[in-house]
């Protein structure tokens, strides 16, 4: 079974993602590993979804997050896609899809 970034950090295993974050942030990979193991840095990754690696947390540069999603009152998937594209064009570092209404499998 594949281990998460946190599981690796707790075991003292530096992953390529941790090394990439360290290089992007101008930190040592040992410091990134330590802070991840302590819960001070997170790396939001989803298995099976291709995405850019970004670290969020203590001692790292500020990140811009955009949240999109349908609600029980408004279900307009096309509008949410437009918002996601606009967020990406505006330079958002992360995008959270928080839909709670409509056909969530679409």
PDB file of N, CA and C in Angstrom:
ATOM      1  N   UNK A   1       0.839  -1.188   0.000  1.00  0.00           N
ATOM      2  CA  UNK A   1       0.000   0.000   0.000  1.00  0.00           C
ATOM      3  C   UNK A   1       0.884   1.251   0.000  1.00  0.00           C
ATOM      4  N   UNK A   2       0.538   2.185  -0.842  1.00  0.00           N
ATOM      5  CA  UNK A   2       1.303   3.422  -0.965  1.00  0.00           C
ATOM      6  C   UNK A   2       1.132   4.280   0.287  1.00  0.00           C
ATOM      7  N   UNK A   3       2.236   4.854   0.751  1.00  0.00           N
ATOM      8  CA  UNK A   3       2.202   5.681   1.954  1.00  0.00           C
ATOM      9  C   UNK A   3       1.915   7.137   1.604  1.00  0.00           C
ATOM     10  N   UNK A   4       1.280   7.832   2.535  1.00  0.00           N
ATOM     11  CA  UNK A   4       1.039   9.260   2.366  1.00  0.00           C
ATOM     12  C   UNK A   4       2.324  10.026   2.674  1.00  0.00           C
ATOM     13  N   UNK A   5       2.326  11.296   2.326  1.00  0.00           N
ATOM     14  CA  UNK A   5       3.468  12.155   2.626  1.00  0.00           C
ATOM     15  C   UNK A   5       3.728  12.205   4.132  1.00  0.00           C
ATOM     16  N   UNK A   6       2.660  12.302   4.913  1.00  0.00           N
ATOM     17  CA  UNK A   6       2.816  12.377   6.372  1.00  0.00           C
ATOM     18  C   UNK A   6       3.376  11.072   6.925  1.00  0.00           C
ATOM     19  N   UNK A   7       2.866   9.948   6.445  1.00  0.00           N
ATOM     20  CA  UNK A   7       3.373   8.661   6.917  1.00  0.00           C
ATOM     21  C   UNK A   7       4.860   8.528   6.623  1.00  0.00           C
ATOM     22  N   UNK A   8       5.273   8.950   5.447  1.00  0.00           N
ATOM     23  CA  UNK A   8       6.697   8.922   5.107  1.00  0.00           C
ATOM     24  C   UNK A   8       7.492   9.833   6.033  1.00  0.00           C
ATOM     25  N   UNK A   9       6.989  11.040   6.256  1.00  0.00           N
ATOM     26  CA  UNK A   9       7.697  11.998   7.114  1.00  0.00           C
ATOM     27  C   UNK A   9       7.868  11.451   8.523  1.00  0.00           C
ATOM     28  N   UNK A  10       6.824  10.869   9.071  1.00  0.00           N
ATOM     29  CA  UNK A  10       6.890  10.316  10.431  1.00  0.00           C
ATOM     30  C   UNK A  10       7.940   9.203  10.504  1.00  0.00           C
ATOM     31  N   UNK A  11       8.107   8.453   9.417  1.00  0.00           N
ATOM     32  CA  UNK A  11       9.098   7.373   9.373  1.00  0.00           C
ATOM     33  C   UNK A  11      10.492   7.874   8.998  1.00  0.00           C
ATOM     34  N   UNK A  12      10.616   9.185   8.739  1.00  0.00           N
ATOM     35  CA  UNK A  12      11.913   9.749   8.386  1.00  0.00           C
ATOM     36  C   UNK A  12      12.295   9.558   6.931  1.00  0.00           C
ATOM     37  N   UNK A  13      11.316   9.287   6.089  1.00  0.00           N
ATOM     38  CA  UNK A  13      11.561   9.079   4.661  1.00  0.00           C
ATOM     39  C   UNK A  13      11.289  10.378   3.908  1.00  0.00           C
ATOM     40  N   UNK A  14      12.312  10.899   3.247  1.00  0.00           N
ATOM     41  CA  UNK A  14      12.150  12.105   2.437  1.00  0.00           C
ATOM     42  C   UNK A  14      11.677  11.702   1.046  1.00  0.00           C
ATOM     43  N   UNK A  15      10.553  12.252   0.624  1.00  0.00           N
ATOM     44  CA  UNK A  15       9.984  11.928  -0.687  1.00  0.00           C
ATOM     45  C   UNK A  15      10.432  12.948  -1.734  1.00  0.00           C
ATOM     46  N   UNK A  16      10.289  12.617  -3.010  1.00  0.00           N
ATOM     47  CA  UNK A  16      10.602  13.592  -4.059  1.00  0.00           C
ATOM     48  C   UNK A  16       9.766  14.869  -3.916  1.00  0.00           C
ATOM     49  N   UNK A  17       8.522  14.731  -3.452  1.00  0.00           N
ATOM     50  CA  UNK A  17       7.669  15.903  -3.257  1.00  0.00           C
ATOM     51  C   UNK A  17       8.235  16.817  -2.177  1.00  0.00           C
ATOM     52  N   UNK A  18       8.735  16.242  -1.096  1.00  0.00           N
ATOM     53  CA  UNK A  18       9.349  17.041  -0.029  1.00  0.00           C
ATOM     54  C   UNK A  18      10.594  17.745  -0.546  1.00  0.00           C
ATOM     55  N   UNK A  19      11.383  17.041  -1.352  1.00  0.00           N
ATOM     56  CA  UNK A  19      12.584  17.644  -1.928  1.00  0.00           C
ATOM     57  C   UNK A  19      12.218  18.806  -2.849  1.00  0.00           C
ATOM     58  N   UNK A  20      11.152  18.629  -3.630  1.00  0.00           N
ATOM     59  CA  UNK A  20      10.715  19.692  -4.544  1.00  0.00           C
ATOM     60  C   UNK A  20      10.264  20.919  -3.756  1.00  0.00           C
ATOM     61  N   UNK A  21       9.487  20.705  -2.695  1.00  0.00           N
ATOM     62  CA  UNK A  21       9.018  21.822  -1.865  1.00  0.00           C
ATOM     63  C   UNK A  21      10.204  22.539  -1.236  1.00  0.00           C
ATOM     64  N   UNK A  22      11.158  21.778  -0.717  1.00  0.00           N
ATOM     65  CA  UNK A  22      12.347  22.377  -0.110  1.00  0.00           C
ATOM     66  C   UNK A  22      13.075  23.263  -1.118  1.00  0.00           C
ATOM     67  N   UNK A  23      13.238  22.773  -2.338  1.00  0.00           N
ATOM     68  CA  UNK A  23      13.926  23.552  -3.371  1.00  0.00           C
ATOM     69  C   UNK A  23      13.136  24.806  -3.725  1.00  0.00           C
ATOM     70  N   UNK A  24      11.821  24.675  -3.867  1.00  0.00           N
ATOM     71  CA  UNK A  24      10.987  25.829  -4.224  1.00  0.00           C
ATOM     72  C   UNK A  24      10.989  26.886  -3.127  1.00  0.00           C
ATOM     73  N   UNK A  25      11.084  26.452  -1.874  1.00  0.00           N
ATOM     74  CA  UNK A  25      10.996  27.371  -0.741  1.00  0.00           C
ATOM     75  C   UNK A  25      12.362  27.811  -0.219  1.00  0.00           C
ATOM     76  N   UNK A  26      13.444  27.262  -0.761  1.00  0.00           N
ATOM     77  CA  UNK A  26      14.780  27.626  -0.304  1.00  0.00           C
ATOM     78  C   UNK A  26      15.104  27.086   1.082  1.00  0.00           C
ATOM     79  N   UNK A  27      14.587  25.904   1.385  1.00  0.00           N
ATOM     80  CA  UNK A  27      14.816  25.262   2.681  1.00  0.00           C
ATOM     81  C   UNK A  27      15.511  23.925   2.473  1.00  0.00           C
ATOM     82  N   UNK A  28      16.025  23.360   3.545  1.00  0.00           N
ATOM     83  CA  UNK A  28      16.597  22.020   3.444  1.00  0.00           C
ATOM     84  C   UNK A  28      15.465  20.997   3.448  1.00  0.00           C
ATOM     85  N   UNK A  29      15.686  19.891   2.764  1.00  0.00           N
ATOM     86  CA  UNK A  29      14.667  18.840   2.760  1.00  0.00           C
ATOM     87  C   UNK A  29      14.511  18.239   4.155  1.00  0.00           C
ATOM     88  N   UNK A  30      15.573  18.274   4.965  1.00  0.00           N
ATOM     89  CA  UNK A  30      15.477  17.785   6.346  1.00  0.00           C
ATOM     90  C   UNK A  30      14.500  18.624   7.166  1.00  0.00           C
ATOM     91  N   UNK A  31      14.523  19.946   6.962  1.00  0.00           N
ATOM     92  CA  UNK A  31      13.609  20.822   7.697  1.00  0.00           C
ATOM     93  C   UNK A  31      12.167  20.587   7.250  1.00  0.00           C
ATOM     94  N   UNK A  32      11.953  20.440   5.952  1.00  0.00           N
ATOM     95  CA  UNK A  32      10.602  20.161   5.445  1.00  0.00           C
ATOM     96  C   UNK A  32      10.110  18.834   6.015  1.00  0.00           C
ATOM     97  N   UNK A  33      10.954  17.816   6.002  1.00  0.00           N
ATOM     98  CA  UNK A  33      10.608  16.508   6.570  1.00  0.00           C
ATOM     99  C   UNK A  33      10.219  16.637   8.037  1.00  0.00           C
ATOM    100  N   UNK A  34      11.035  17.338   8.823  1.00  0.00           N
ATOM    101  CA  UNK A  34      10.777  17.506  10.257  1.00  0.00           C
ATOM    102  C   UNK A  34       9.440  18.198  10.497  1.00  0.00           C
ATOM    103  N   UNK A  35       9.208  19.293   9.785  1.00  0.00           N
ATOM    104  CA  UNK A  35       7.963  20.045   9.991  1.00  0.00           C
ATOM    105  C   UNK A  35       6.738  19.267   9.511  1.00  0.00           C
ATOM    106  N   UNK A  36       6.905  18.463   8.471  1.00  0.00           N
ATOM    107  CA  UNK A  36       5.783  17.615   8.043  1.00  0.00           C
ATOM    108  C   UNK A  36       5.477  16.568   9.101  1.00  0.00           C
ATOM    109  N   UNK A  37       6.506  15.957   9.645  1.00  0.00           N
ATOM    110  CA  UNK A  37       6.310  14.933  10.677  1.00  0.00           C
ATOM    111  C   UNK A  37       5.640  15.518  11.914  1.00  0.00           C
ATOM    112  N   UNK A  38       5.904  16.796  12.191  1.00  0.00           N
ATOM    113  CA  UNK A  38       5.317  17.469  13.357  1.00  0.00           C
ATOM    114  C   UNK A  38       3.949  18.082  13.055  1.00  0.00           C
ATOM    115  N   UNK A  39       3.502  17.999  11.805  1.00  0.00           N
ATOM    116  CA  UNK A  39       2.199  18.556  11.434  1.00  0.00           C
ATOM    117  C   UNK A  39       2.216  20.049  11.171  1.00  0.00           C
ATOM    118  N   UNK A  40       3.403  20.622  10.965  1.00  0.00           N
ATOM    119  CA  UNK A  40       3.516  22.060  10.730  1.00  0.00           C
ATOM    120  C   UNK A  40       3.502  22.423   9.246  1.00  0.00           C
ATOM    121  N   UNK A  41       3.700  21.425   8.392  1.00  0.00           N
ATOM    122  CA  UNK A  41       3.621  21.602   6.943  1.00  0.00           C
ATOM    123  C   UNK A  41       2.751  20.483   6.392  1.00  0.00           C
ATOM    124  N   UNK A  42       1.897  20.838   5.439  1.00  0.00           N
ATOM    125  CA  UNK A  42       1.088  19.831   4.747  1.00  0.00           C
ATOM    126  C   UNK A  42       1.353  19.916   3.249  1.00  0.00           C
ATOM    127  N   UNK A  43       1.149  18.791   2.577  1.00  0.00           N
ATOM    128  CA  UNK A  43       1.283  18.709   1.128  1.00  0.00           C
ATOM    129  C   UNK A  43      -0.015  18.106   0.605  1.00  0.00           C
ATOM    130  N   UNK A  44      -0.923  18.942   0.108  1.00  0.00           N
ATOM    131  CA  UNK A  44      -2.194  18.403  -0.374  1.00  0.00           C
ATOM    132  C   UNK A  44      -2.026  17.703  -1.726  1.00  0.00           C
ATOM    133  N   UNK A  45      -2.103  16.386  -1.689  1.00  0.00           N
ATOM    134  CA  UNK A  45      -2.011  15.569  -2.898  1.00  0.00           C
ATOM    135  C   UNK A  45      -3.139  14.549  -2.888  1.00  0.00           C
ATOM    136  N   UNK A  46      -3.685  14.262  -4.039  1.00  0.00           N
ATOM    137  CA  UNK A  46      -4.690  13.210  -4.178  1.00  0.00           C
ATOM    138  C   UNK A  46      -4.144  12.139  -5.104  1.00  0.00           C
ATOM    139  N   UNK A  47      -4.205  10.890  -4.655  1.00  0.00           N
ATOM    140  CA  UNK A  47      -3.750   9.785  -5.491  1.00  0.00           C
ATOM    141  C   UNK A  47      -4.581   9.744  -6.767  1.00  0.00           C
ATOM    142  N   UNK A  48      -3.913   9.549  -7.880  1.00  0.00           N
ATOM    143  CA  UNK A  48      -4.609   9.415  -9.146  1.00  0.00           C
ATOM    144  C   UNK A  48      -4.974  10.723  -9.817  1.00  0.00           C
ATOM    145  N   UNK A  49      -4.697  11.847  -9.171  1.00  0.00           N
ATOM    146  CA  UNK A  49      -4.996  13.148  -9.763  1.00  0.00           C
ATOM    147  C   UNK A  49      -3.675  13.876  -9.985  1.00  0.00           C
ATOM    148  N   UNK A  50      -3.391  14.220 -11.225  1.00  0.00           N
ATOM    149  CA  UNK A  50      -2.151  14.927 -11.541  1.00  0.00           C
ATOM    150  C   UNK A  50      -2.289  16.381 -11.107  1.00  0.00           C
ATOM    151  N   UNK A  51      -1.376  16.821 -10.261  1.00  0.00           N
ATOM    152  CA  UNK A  51      -1.412  18.203  -9.801  1.00  0.00           C
ATOM    153  C   UNK A  51      -0.005  18.665  -9.448  1.00  0.00           C
ATOM    154  N   UNK A  52       0.153  19.953  -9.363  1.00  0.00           N
ATOM    155  CA  UNK A  52       1.431  20.530  -8.957  1.00  0.00           C
ATOM    156  C   UNK A  52       1.619  20.329  -7.465  1.00  0.00           C
ATOM    157  N   UNK A  53       2.855  20.103  -7.075  1.00  0.00           N
ATOM    158  CA  UNK A  53       3.166  19.927  -5.660  1.00  0.00           C
ATOM    159  C   UNK A  53       3.321  21.297  -5.016  1.00  0.00           C
ATOM    160  N   UNK A  54       2.661  21.485  -3.887  1.00  0.00           N
ATOM    161  CA  UNK A  54       2.759  22.736  -3.146  1.00  0.00           C
ATOM    162  C   UNK A  54       2.769  22.405  -1.658  1.00  0.00           C
ATOM    163  N   UNK A  55       3.601  23.108  -0.919  1.00  0.00           N
ATOM    164  CA  UNK A  55       3.631  22.943   0.528  1.00  0.00           C
ATOM    165  C   UNK A  55       2.956  24.130   1.189  1.00  0.00           C
ATOM    166  N   UNK A  56       2.224  23.832   2.248  1.00  0.00           N
ATOM    167  CA  UNK A  56       1.507  24.873   2.983  1.00  0.00           C
ATOM    168  C   UNK A  56       1.862  24.731   4.454  1.00  0.00           C
ATOM    169  N   UNK A  57       2.258  25.836   5.079  1.00  0.00           N
ATOM    170  CA  UNK A  57       2.505  25.766   6.508  1.00  0.00           C
ATOM    171  C   UNK A  57       3.659  26.620   6.989  1.00  0.00           C
ATOM    172  N   UNK A  58       4.135  26.256   8.165  1.00  0.00           N
ATOM    173  CA  UNK A  58       5.128  27.030   8.903  1.00  0.00           C
ATOM    174  C   UNK A  58       6.422  27.238   8.108  1.00  0.00           C
ATOM    175  N   UNK A  59       6.786  28.509   7.948  1.00  0.00           N
ATOM    176  CA  UNK A  59       8.041  28.856   7.307  1.00  0.00           C
ATOM    177  C   UNK A  59       8.011  28.823   5.794  1.00  0.00           C
ATOM    178  N   UNK A  60       6.843  28.553   5.214  1.00  0.00           N
ATOM    179  CA  UNK A  60       6.726  28.516   3.759  1.00  0.00           C
ATOM    180  C   UNK A  60       6.074  29.796   3.261  1.00  0.00           C
ATOM    181  N   UNK A  61       6.250  30.087   1.992  1.00  0.00           N
ATOM    182  CA  UNK A  61       5.631  31.278   1.423  1.00  0.00           C
ATOM    183  C   UNK A  61       4.107  31.166   1.482  1.00  0.00           C
ATOM    184  N   UNK A  62       3.457  32.314   1.502  1.00  0.00           N
ATOM    185  CA  UNK A  62       1.996  32.360   1.546  1.00  0.00           C
ATOM    186  C   UNK A  62       1.428  31.823   0.241  1.00  0.00           C
ATOM    187  N   UNK A  63       0.374  31.033   0.352  1.00  0.00           N
ATOM    188  CA  UNK A  63      -0.279  30.454  -0.823  1.00  0.00           C
ATOM    189  C   UNK A  63      -1.674  31.050  -0.980  1.00  0.00           C
ATOM    190  N   UNK A  64      -2.146  31.086  -2.223  1.00  0.00           N
ATOM    191  CA  UNK A  64      -3.492  31.572  -2.525  1.00  0.00           C
ATOM    192  C   UNK A  64      -4.361  30.372  -2.862  1.00  0.00           C
ATOM    193  N   UNK A  65      -5.464  30.205  -2.118  1.00  0.00           N
ATOM    194  CA  UNK A  65      -6.402  29.114  -2.337  1.00  0.00           C
ATOM    195  C   UNK A  65      -7.705  29.673  -2.894  1.00  0.00           C
ATOM    196  N   UNK A  66      -8.300  28.950  -3.818  1.00  0.00           N
ATOM    197  CA  UNK A  66      -9.629  29.290  -4.330  1.00  0.00           C
ATOM    198  C   UNK A  66     -10.556  28.121  -4.027  1.00  0.00           C
ATOM    199  N   UNK A  67     -11.752  28.434  -3.573  1.00  0.00           N
ATOM    200  CA  UNK A  67     -12.745  27.402  -3.279  1.00  0.00           C
ATOM    201  C   UNK A  67     -13.920  27.555  -4.230  1.00  0.00           C
ATOM    202  N   UNK A  68     -14.353  26.445  -4.786  1.00  0.00           N
ATOM    203  CA  UNK A  68     -15.523  26.441  -5.658  1.00  0.00           C
ATOM    204  C   UNK A  68     -16.458  25.342  -5.190  1.00  0.00           C
ATOM    205  N   UNK A  69     -17.674  25.323  -5.716  1.00  0.00           N
ATOM    206  CA  UNK A  69     -18.566  24.216  -5.413  1.00  0.00           C
ATOM    207  C   UNK A  69     -20.029  24.591  -5.454  1.00  0.00           C
ATOM    208  N   UNK A  70     -20.835  23.594  -5.747  1.00  0.00           N
ATOM    209  CA  UNK A  70     -22.278  23.771  -5.772  1.00  0.00           C
ATOM    210  C   UNK A  70     -22.825  23.718  -4.352  1.00  0.00           C
ATOM    211  N   UNK A  71     -24.049  24.205  -4.206  1.00  0.00           N
ATOM    212  CA  UNK A  71     -24.723  24.138  -2.907  1.00  0.00           C
ATOM    213  C   UNK A  71     -26.063  23.444  -3.098  1.00  0.00           C
ATOM    214  N   UNK A  72     -26.786  23.268  -2.020  1.00  0.00           N
ATOM    215  CA  UNK A  72     -28.118  22.678  -2.141  1.00  0.00           C
ATOM    216  C   UNK A  72     -29.071  23.645  -2.827  1.00  0.00           C
ATOM    217  N   UNK A  73     -28.749  24.941  -2.834  1.00  0.00           N
ATOM    218  CA  UNK A  73     -29.601  25.951  -3.469  1.00  0.00           C
ATOM    219  C   UNK A  73     -29.240  26.209  -4.930  1.00  0.00           C
ATOM    220  N   UNK A  74     -27.955  26.163  -5.253  1.00  0.00           N
ATOM    221  CA  UNK A  74     -27.502  26.487  -6.612  1.00  0.00           C
ATOM    222  C   UNK A  74     -26.598  25.368  -7.125  1.00  0.00           C
ATOM    223  N   UNK A  75     -27.024  24.739  -8.211  1.00  0.00           N
ATOM    224  CA  UNK A  75     -26.238  23.688  -8.848  1.00  0.00           C
ATOM    225  C   UNK A  75     -25.989  24.109 -10.292  1.00  0.00           C
ATOM    226  N   UNK A  76     -24.798  24.663 -10.533  1.00  0.00           N
ATOM    227  CA  UNK A  76     -24.437  25.113 -11.880  1.00  0.00           C
ATOM    228  C   UNK A  76     -22.987  24.709 -12.131  1.00  0.00           C
ATOM    229  N   UNK A  77     -22.815  23.503 -12.631  1.00  0.00           N
ATOM    230  CA  UNK A  77     -21.471  22.961 -12.818  1.00  0.00           C
ATOM    231  C   UNK A  77     -20.655  23.807 -13.788  1.00  0.00           C
ATOM    232  N   UNK A  78     -21.291  24.302 -14.850  1.00  0.00           N
ATOM    233  CA  UNK A  78     -20.565  25.149 -15.810  1.00  0.00           C
ATOM    234  C   UNK A  78     -20.001  26.396 -15.134  1.00  0.00           C
ATOM    235  N   UNK A  79     -20.765  26.990 -14.236  1.00  0.00           N
ATOM    236  CA  UNK A  79     -20.291  28.173 -13.506  1.00  0.00           C
ATOM    237  C   UNK A  79     -19.097  27.815 -12.631  1.00  0.00           C
ATOM    238  N   UNK A  80     -19.136  26.643 -12.003  1.00  0.00           N
ATOM    239  CA  UNK A  80     -18.023  26.225 -11.148  1.00  0.00           C
ATOM    240  C   UNK A  80     -16.770  25.975 -11.979  1.00  0.00           C
ATOM    241  N   UNK A  81     -16.936  25.413 -13.167  1.00  0.00           N
ATOM    242  CA  UNK A  81     -15.793  25.203 -14.065  1.00  0.00           C
ATOM    243  C   UNK A  81     -15.206  26.551 -14.475  1.00  0.00           C
ATOM    244  N   UNK A  82     -16.067  27.511 -14.791  1.00  0.00           N
ATOM    245  CA  UNK A  82     -15.575  28.853 -15.146  1.00  0.00           C
ATOM    246  C   UNK A  82     -14.807  29.472 -13.975  1.00  0.00           C
ATOM    247  N   UNK A  83     -15.312  29.295 -12.761  1.00  0.00           N
ATOM    248  CA  UNK A  83     -14.612  29.821 -11.577  1.00  0.00           C
ATOM    249  C   UNK A  83     -13.241  29.164 -11.423  1.00  0.00           C
ATOM    250  N   UNK A  84     -13.175  27.861 -11.642  1.00  0.00           N
ATOM    251  CA  UNK A  84     -11.899  27.147 -11.514  1.00  0.00           C
ATOM    252  C   UNK A  84     -10.893  27.653 -12.539  1.00  0.00           C
ATOM    253  N   UNK A  85     -11.351  27.855 -13.763  1.00  0.00           N
ATOM    254  CA  UNK A  85     -10.467  28.370 -14.815  1.00  0.00           C
ATOM    255  C   UNK A  85      -9.998  29.781 -14.474  1.00  0.00           C
ATOM    256  N   UNK A  86     -10.900  30.615 -13.981  1.00  0.00           N
ATOM    257  CA  UNK A  86     -10.531  31.984 -13.592  1.00  0.00           C
ATOM    258  C   UNK A  86      -9.521  31.970 -12.456  1.00  0.00           C
ATOM    259  N   UNK A  87      -9.707  31.084 -11.485  1.00  0.00           N
ATOM    260  CA  UNK A  87      -8.771  30.984 -10.356  1.00  0.00           C
ATOM    261  C   UNK A  87      -7.392  30.576 -10.847  1.00  0.00           C
ATOM    262  N   UNK A  88      -7.357  29.616 -11.747  1.00  0.00           N
ATOM    263  CA  UNK A  88      -6.079  29.169 -12.297  1.00  0.00           C
ATOM    264  C   UNK A  88      -5.388  30.302 -13.055  1.00  0.00           C
ATOM    265  N   UNK A  89      -6.138  31.011 -13.888  1.00  0.00           N
ATOM    266  CA  UNK A  89      -5.566  32.128 -14.650  1.00  0.00           C
ATOM    267  C   UNK A  89      -5.081  33.242 -13.736  1.00  0.00           C
ATOM    268  N   UNK A  90      -5.738  33.417 -12.584  1.00  0.00           N
ATOM    269  CA  UNK A  90      -5.359  34.463 -11.634  1.00  0.00           C
ATOM    270  C   UNK A  90      -4.159  34.058 -10.783  1.00  0.00           C
ATOM    271  N   UNK A  91      -3.720  32.798 -10.900  1.00  0.00           N
ATOM    272  CA  UNK A  91      -2.525  32.366 -10.191  1.00  0.00           C
ATOM    273  C   UNK A  91      -2.756  31.665  -8.871  1.00  0.00           C
ATOM    274  N   UNK A  92      -3.941  31.131  -8.642  1.00  0.00           N
ATOM    275  CA  UNK A  92      -4.194  30.401  -7.397  1.00  0.00           C
ATOM    276  C   UNK A  92      -3.230  29.221  -7.288  1.00  0.00           C
ATOM    277  N   UNK A  93      -2.710  29.005  -6.085  1.00  0.00           N
ATOM    278  CA  UNK A  93      -1.800  27.884  -5.840  1.00  0.00           C
ATOM    279  C   UNK A  93      -2.564  26.585  -5.629  1.00  0.00           C
ATOM    280  N   UNK A  94      -3.741  26.688  -5.020  1.00  0.00           N
ATOM    281  CA  UNK A  94      -4.555  25.510  -4.744  1.00  0.00           C
ATOM    282  C   UNK A  94      -6.006  25.802  -5.086  1.00  0.00           C
ATOM    283  N   UNK A  95      -6.751  24.734  -5.345  1.00  0.00           N
ATOM    284  CA  UNK A  95      -8.168  24.845  -5.660  1.00  0.00           C
ATOM    285  C   UNK A  95      -8.907  23.762  -4.891  1.00  0.00           C
ATOM    286  N   UNK A  96      -9.884  24.173  -4.101  1.00  0.00           N
ATOM    287  CA  UNK A  96     -10.690  23.215  -3.338  1.00  0.00           C
ATOM    288  C   UNK A  96     -12.079  23.149  -3.945  1.00  0.00           C
ATOM    289  N   UNK A  97     -12.518  21.940  -4.262  1.00  0.00           N
ATOM    290  CA  UNK A  97     -13.853  21.718  -4.799  1.00  0.00           C
ATOM    291  C   UNK A  97     -14.712  21.230  -3.637  1.00  0.00           C
ATOM    292  N   UNK A  98     -15.672  22.047  -3.223  1.00  0.00           N
ATOM    293  CA  UNK A  98     -16.429  21.794  -1.998  1.00  0.00           C
ATOM    294  C   UNK A  98     -17.922  21.602  -2.242  1.00  0.00           C
ATOM    295  N   UNK A  99     -18.289  21.016  -3.369  1.00  0.00           N
ATOM    296  CA  UNK A  99     -19.706  20.850  -3.696  1.00  0.00           C
ATOM    297  C   UNK A  99     -20.441  19.995  -2.668  1.00  0.00           C
ATOM    298  N   UNK A 100     -21.668  20.426  -2.370  1.00  0.00           N
ATOM    299  CA  UNK A 100     -22.529  19.670  -1.453  1.00  0.00           C
ATOM    300  C   UNK A 100     -23.906  19.414  -2.054  1.00  0.00           C
ATOM    301  N   UNK A 101     -24.157  19.912  -3.260  1.00  0.00           N
ATOM    302  CA  UNK A 101     -25.470  19.726  -3.875  1.00  0.00           C
ATOM    303  C   UNK A 101     -25.361  19.336  -5.324  1.00  0.00           C
ATOM    304  N   UNK A 102     -26.384  18.650  -5.821  1.00  0.00           N
ATOM    305  CA  UNK A 102     -26.414  18.245  -7.217  1.00  0.00           C
ATOM    306  C   UNK A 102     -25.758  16.897  -7.422  1.00  0.00           C
ATOM    307  N   UNK A 103     -25.483  16.574  -8.685  1.00  0.00           N
ATOM    308  CA  UNK A 103     -24.860  15.305  -9.055  1.00  0.00           C
ATOM    309  C   UNK A 103     -23.362  15.400  -8.791  1.00  0.00           C
ATOM    310  N   UNK A 104     -22.934  14.948  -7.642  1.00  0.00           N
ATOM    311  CA  UNK A 104     -21.538  15.102  -7.224  1.00  0.00           C
ATOM    312  C   UNK A 104     -20.584  14.169  -7.968  1.00  0.00           C
ATOM    313  N   UNK A 105     -21.122  13.215  -8.707  1.00  0.00           N
ATOM    314  CA  UNK A 105     -20.264  12.299  -9.464  1.00  0.00           C
ATOM    315  C   UNK A 105     -19.870  12.850 -10.827  1.00  0.00           C
ATOM    316  N   UNK A 106     -20.470  13.958 -11.248  1.00  0.00           N
ATOM    317  CA  UNK A 106     -20.164  14.549 -12.555  1.00  0.00           C
ATOM    318  C   UNK A 106     -18.790  15.153 -12.584  1.00  0.00           C
TER     319      UNK A 106
END
